[in-house]
Amino acid sequence: MYDIHARPVRDLRNNYSELARMVKEHQHIIVTNNGKSETVLMSIDDYNLCRDFLHTQYVLKELKLAEAEAERTNERLTHEEVFGKFRRKYGYGV
């Protein structure tokens, strides 16, 4: 599990080297301003893990929605039709 610390925003300026060391050790820092949480500092590796996790959760949610829609309708599209619609809508290939 990660260690989480709360630090005031002034520590970004006054104690950055300490904060940088902490995040390299996989400690997350909640930056506060006037006692309110504003930002989280974390290592780029931890950020990438969070981003990948959130993307996976998004894809799984969209797949569940697609499966539910497929069960509600008899319409079936070919692979080419599906990706053709995608290309027309978003303007790039898959």
N, C-alpha and C. Protein backbone atom coordinates (compact mmCIF):
# COMPACT_ATOMS: atom_id res chain seq x y z
N MET A 1 0.85 -1.19 0.00
CA MET A 1 0.00 0.00 0.00
C MET A 1 0.88 1.24 0.00
N TYR A 2 0.33 2.30 -0.52
CA TYR A 2 1.07 3.55 -0.61
C TYR A 2 0.95 4.33 0.69
N ASP A 3 2.02 5.05 1.02
CA ASP A 3 1.95 6.01 2.11
C ASP A 3 1.42 7.31 1.53
N ILE A 4 0.49 7.93 2.22
CA ILE A 4 -0.09 9.18 1.76
C ILE A 4 0.15 10.24 2.82
N HIS A 5 0.65 11.39 2.38
CA HIS A 5 0.97 12.49 3.28
C HIS A 5 0.27 13.75 2.79
N ALA A 6 -0.12 14.60 3.69
CA ALA A 6 -0.68 15.91 3.35
C ALA A 6 0.37 16.96 3.65
N ARG A 7 0.61 17.83 2.67
CA ARG A 7 1.60 18.89 2.83
C ARG A 7 1.03 20.18 2.26
N PRO A 8 1.37 21.32 2.89
CA PRO A 8 0.88 22.60 2.37
C PRO A 8 1.56 22.97 1.04
N VAL A 9 0.88 23.75 0.24
CA VAL A 9 1.38 24.12 -1.07
C VAL A 9 2.74 24.83 -0.98
N ARG A 10 3.01 25.52 0.09
CA ARG A 10 4.30 26.23 0.22
C ARG A 10 5.48 25.25 0.21
N ASP A 11 5.22 23.98 0.60
CA ASP A 11 6.30 23.00 0.58
C ASP A 11 6.77 22.68 -0.83
N LEU A 12 5.94 22.94 -1.84
CA LEU A 12 6.39 22.73 -3.22
C LEU A 12 7.59 23.63 -3.52
N ARG A 13 7.54 24.84 -3.02
CA ARG A 13 8.63 25.78 -3.25
C ARG A 13 9.75 25.59 -2.23
N ASN A 14 9.40 25.42 -0.98
CA ASN A 14 10.40 25.41 0.08
C ASN A 14 11.09 24.06 0.28
N ASN A 15 10.40 22.96 -0.01
CA ASN A 15 10.94 21.63 0.28
C ASN A 15 10.77 20.67 -0.89
N TYR A 16 10.91 21.18 -2.12
CA TYR A 16 10.64 20.33 -3.27
C TYR A 16 11.52 19.09 -3.31
N SER A 17 12.79 19.22 -2.98
CA SER A 17 13.68 18.04 -3.06
C SER A 17 13.21 16.93 -2.12
N GLU A 18 12.71 17.30 -0.95
CA GLU A 18 12.17 16.30 -0.02
C GLU A 18 10.92 15.63 -0.61
N LEU A 19 10.03 16.45 -1.18
CA LEU A 19 8.82 15.90 -1.77
C LEU A 19 9.15 14.99 -2.95
N ALA A 20 10.11 15.40 -3.78
CA ALA A 20 10.52 14.58 -4.92
C ALA A 20 11.06 13.23 -4.46
N ARG A 21 11.84 13.24 -3.39
CA ARG A 21 12.36 11.98 -2.84
C ARG A 21 11.22 11.10 -2.36
N MET A 22 10.24 11.70 -1.72
CA MET A 22 9.11 10.93 -1.20
C MET A 22 8.33 10.26 -2.32
N VAL A 23 8.06 10.99 -3.39
CA VAL A 23 7.27 10.38 -4.47
C VAL A 23 8.06 9.31 -5.20
N LYS A 24 9.38 9.46 -5.26
CA LYS A 24 10.21 8.40 -5.87
C LYS A 24 10.15 7.13 -5.05
N GLU A 25 9.84 7.25 -3.76
CA GLU A 25 9.69 6.09 -2.88
C GLU A 25 8.23 5.61 -2.84
N HIS A 26 7.45 6.00 -3.82
CA HIS A 26 6.04 5.61 -3.97
C HIS A 26 5.17 6.12 -2.83
N GLN A 27 5.51 7.28 -2.33
CA GLN A 27 4.65 7.94 -1.35
C GLN A 27 3.87 9.02 -2.08
N HIS A 28 2.59 9.06 -1.88
CA HIS A 28 1.76 10.09 -2.52
C HIS A 28 1.58 11.24 -1.55
N ILE A 29 1.54 12.44 -2.12
CA ILE A 29 1.44 13.63 -1.31
C ILE A 29 0.20 14.42 -1.75
N ILE A 30 -0.68 14.66 -0.80
CA ILE A 30 -1.83 15.52 -1.06
C ILE A 30 -1.40 16.94 -0.73
N VAL A 31 -1.44 17.80 -1.73
CA VAL A 31 -1.04 19.18 -1.54
C VAL A 31 -2.27 19.98 -1.14
N THR A 32 -2.14 20.70 -0.04
CA THR A 32 -3.26 21.48 0.47
C THR A 32 -3.00 22.97 0.32
N ASN A 33 -4.08 23.71 0.19
CA ASN A 33 -4.00 25.17 0.14
C ASN A 33 -5.09 25.69 1.07
N ASN A 34 -4.69 26.45 2.07
CA ASN A 34 -5.62 26.93 3.10
C ASN A 34 -6.40 25.78 3.72
N GLY A 35 -5.73 24.66 3.94
CA GLY A 35 -6.34 23.51 4.59
C GLY A 35 -7.22 22.65 3.71
N LYS A 36 -7.34 22.99 2.42
CA LYS A 36 -8.18 22.21 1.51
C LYS A 36 -7.29 21.43 0.54
N SER A 37 -7.64 20.17 0.32
CA SER A 37 -6.90 19.34 -0.63
C SER A 37 -7.11 19.88 -2.03
N GLU A 38 -5.98 20.00 -2.79
CA GLU A 38 -6.06 20.54 -4.14
C GLU A 38 -5.45 19.63 -5.19
N THR A 39 -4.34 19.00 -4.86
CA THR A 39 -3.56 18.28 -5.85
C THR A 39 -2.92 17.06 -5.20
N VAL A 40 -2.57 16.09 -6.04
CA VAL A 40 -1.83 14.93 -5.55
C VAL A 40 -0.53 14.83 -6.33
N LEU A 41 0.56 14.66 -5.61
CA LEU A 41 1.85 14.39 -6.23
C LEU A 41 2.12 12.90 -6.15
N MET A 42 2.54 12.33 -7.29
CA MET A 42 2.92 10.91 -7.30
C MET A 42 3.98 10.73 -8.37
N SER A 43 4.69 9.63 -8.30
CA SER A 43 5.71 9.37 -9.29
C SER A 43 5.06 9.13 -10.65
N ILE A 44 5.82 9.31 -11.70
CA ILE A 44 5.29 9.08 -13.04
C ILE A 44 4.92 7.61 -13.22
N ASP A 45 5.65 6.71 -12.61
CA ASP A 45 5.31 5.28 -12.70
C ASP A 45 3.96 5.00 -12.04
N ASP A 46 3.73 5.59 -10.87
CA ASP A 46 2.44 5.40 -10.20
C ASP A 46 1.32 6.05 -11.00
N TYR A 47 1.59 7.21 -11.59
CA TYR A 47 0.60 7.88 -12.43
C TYR A 47 0.22 6.99 -13.61
N ASN A 48 1.22 6.40 -14.27
CA ASN A 48 0.96 5.54 -15.41
C ASN A 48 0.13 4.32 -15.01
N LEU A 49 0.41 3.75 -13.84
CA LEU A 49 -0.40 2.63 -13.36
C LEU A 49 -1.85 3.05 -13.14
N CYS A 50 -2.06 4.21 -12.55
CA CYS A 50 -3.42 4.71 -12.32
C CYS A 50 -4.12 4.98 -13.64
N ARG A 51 -3.43 5.61 -14.56
CA ARG A 51 -4.01 5.91 -15.87
C ARG A 51 -4.41 4.63 -16.59
N ASP A 52 -3.52 3.63 -16.58
CA ASP A 52 -3.82 2.35 -17.24
C ASP A 52 -5.00 1.66 -16.58
N PHE A 53 -5.07 1.70 -15.26
CA PHE A 53 -6.19 1.10 -14.54
C PHE A 53 -7.50 1.77 -14.92
N LEU A 54 -7.51 3.11 -14.93
CA LEU A 54 -8.73 3.84 -15.27
C LEU A 54 -9.15 3.56 -16.71
N HIS A 55 -8.18 3.47 -17.61
CA HIS A 55 -8.51 3.15 -19.00
C HIS A 55 -9.12 1.77 -19.11
N THR A 56 -8.57 0.81 -18.40
CA THR A 56 -9.10 -0.56 -18.41
C THR A 56 -10.53 -0.57 -17.88
N GLN A 57 -10.78 0.16 -16.80
CA GLN A 57 -12.13 0.23 -16.24
C GLN A 57 -13.11 0.85 -17.24
N TYR A 58 -12.66 1.88 -17.94
CA TYR A 58 -13.50 2.52 -18.95
C TYR A 58 -13.84 1.54 -20.08
N VAL A 59 -12.84 0.82 -20.56
CA VAL A 59 -13.06 -0.14 -21.65
C VAL A 59 -14.03 -1.23 -21.20
N LEU A 60 -13.85 -1.75 -19.99
CA LEU A 60 -14.75 -2.79 -19.49
C LEU A 60 -16.19 -2.28 -19.38
N LYS A 61 -16.35 -1.06 -18.91
CA LYS A 61 -17.69 -0.47 -18.81
C LYS A 61 -18.33 -0.34 -20.19
N GLU A 62 -17.57 0.13 -21.16
CA GLU A 62 -18.10 0.29 -22.52
C GLU A 62 -18.42 -1.06 -23.15
N LEU A 63 -17.62 -2.08 -22.88
CA LEU A 63 -17.92 -3.41 -23.40
C LEU A 63 -19.21 -3.96 -22.81
N LYS A 64 -19.42 -3.74 -21.52
CA LYS A 64 -20.67 -4.18 -20.88
C LYS A 64 -21.87 -3.47 -21.49
N LEU A 65 -21.74 -2.19 -21.77
CA LEU A 65 -22.82 -1.44 -22.41
C LEU A 65 -23.09 -1.99 -23.81
N ALA A 66 -22.03 -2.29 -24.54
CA ALA A 66 -22.18 -2.82 -25.89
C ALA A 66 -22.85 -4.20 -25.86
N GLU A 67 -22.45 -5.04 -24.90
CA GLU A 67 -23.07 -6.36 -24.77
C GLU A 67 -24.56 -6.23 -24.44
N ALA A 68 -24.90 -5.31 -23.55
CA ALA A 68 -26.31 -5.11 -23.19
C ALA A 68 -27.10 -4.61 -24.40
N GLU A 69 -26.53 -3.71 -25.18
CA GLU A 69 -27.21 -3.23 -26.38
C GLU A 69 -27.38 -4.35 -27.40
N ALA A 70 -26.37 -5.19 -27.55
CA ALA A 70 -26.46 -6.31 -28.49
C ALA A 70 -27.57 -7.28 -28.09
N GLU A 71 -27.79 -7.44 -26.81
CA GLU A 71 -28.86 -8.33 -26.35
C GLU A 71 -30.24 -7.73 -26.60
N ARG A 72 -30.34 -6.40 -26.65
CA ARG A 72 -31.63 -5.72 -26.84
C ARG A 72 -32.05 -5.62 -28.30
N THR A 73 -31.15 -5.85 -29.23
CA THR A 73 -31.45 -5.63 -30.64
C THR A 73 -31.04 -6.84 -31.47
N ASN A 74 -31.67 -6.95 -32.61
CA ASN A 74 -31.31 -8.02 -33.55
C ASN A 74 -30.35 -7.54 -34.62
N GLU A 75 -30.05 -6.24 -34.61
CA GLU A 75 -29.14 -5.68 -35.62
C GLU A 75 -27.73 -6.24 -35.42
N ARG A 76 -27.16 -6.71 -36.48
CA ARG A 76 -25.79 -7.22 -36.44
C ARG A 76 -24.99 -6.56 -37.56
N LEU A 77 -23.82 -6.09 -37.24
CA LEU A 77 -22.95 -5.43 -38.20
C LEU A 77 -21.70 -6.27 -38.42
N THR A 78 -21.16 -6.16 -39.62
CA THR A 78 -19.89 -6.83 -39.90
C THR A 78 -18.76 -6.02 -39.28
N HIS A 79 -17.63 -6.63 -39.19
CA HIS A 79 -16.41 -5.95 -38.70
C HIS A 79 -16.17 -4.68 -39.51
N GLU A 80 -16.28 -4.78 -40.83
CA GLU A 80 -16.03 -3.63 -41.70
C GLU A 80 -17.03 -2.51 -41.44
N GLU A 81 -18.28 -2.85 -41.20
CA GLU A 81 -19.29 -1.83 -40.93
C GLU A 81 -19.02 -1.12 -39.61
N VAL A 82 -18.66 -1.88 -38.60
CA VAL A 82 -18.38 -1.29 -37.28
C VAL A 82 -17.21 -0.32 -37.37
N PHE A 83 -16.10 -0.78 -37.95
CA PHE A 83 -14.92 0.08 -38.00
C PHE A 83 -15.07 1.19 -39.04
N GLY A 84 -15.90 0.97 -40.06
CA GLY A 84 -16.20 2.05 -41.00
C GLY A 84 -16.93 3.19 -40.30
N LYS A 85 -17.91 2.84 -39.47
CA LYS A 85 -18.62 3.87 -38.68
C LYS A 85 -17.66 4.60 -37.76
N PHE A 86 -16.77 3.85 -37.13
CA PHE A 86 -15.79 4.45 -36.22
C PHE A 86 -14.89 5.43 -36.97
N ARG A 87 -14.40 5.01 -38.14
CA ARG A 87 -13.51 5.88 -38.93
C ARG A 87 -14.23 7.16 -39.37
N ARG A 88 -15.49 7.02 -39.80
CA ARG A 88 -16.25 8.21 -40.22
C ARG A 88 -16.50 9.15 -39.05
N LYS A 89 -16.79 8.57 -37.89
CA LYS A 89 -17.11 9.40 -36.73
C LYS A 89 -15.88 10.09 -36.17
N TYR A 90 -14.75 9.37 -36.08
CA TYR A 90 -13.57 9.92 -35.41
C TYR A 90 -12.45 10.32 -36.35
N GLY A 91 -12.57 9.96 -37.62
CA GLY A 91 -11.63 10.47 -38.61
C GLY A 91 -10.28 9.80 -38.66
N TYR A 92 -10.15 8.63 -38.09
CA TYR A 92 -8.89 7.90 -38.21
C TYR A 92 -9.16 6.42 -38.16
N GLY A 93 -8.17 5.66 -38.58
CA GLY A 93 -8.33 4.22 -38.70
C GLY A 93 -8.04 3.46 -37.43
N VAL A 94 -8.49 2.26 -37.43
CA VAL A 94 -8.26 1.37 -36.30
C VAL A 94 -7.52 0.16 -36.80
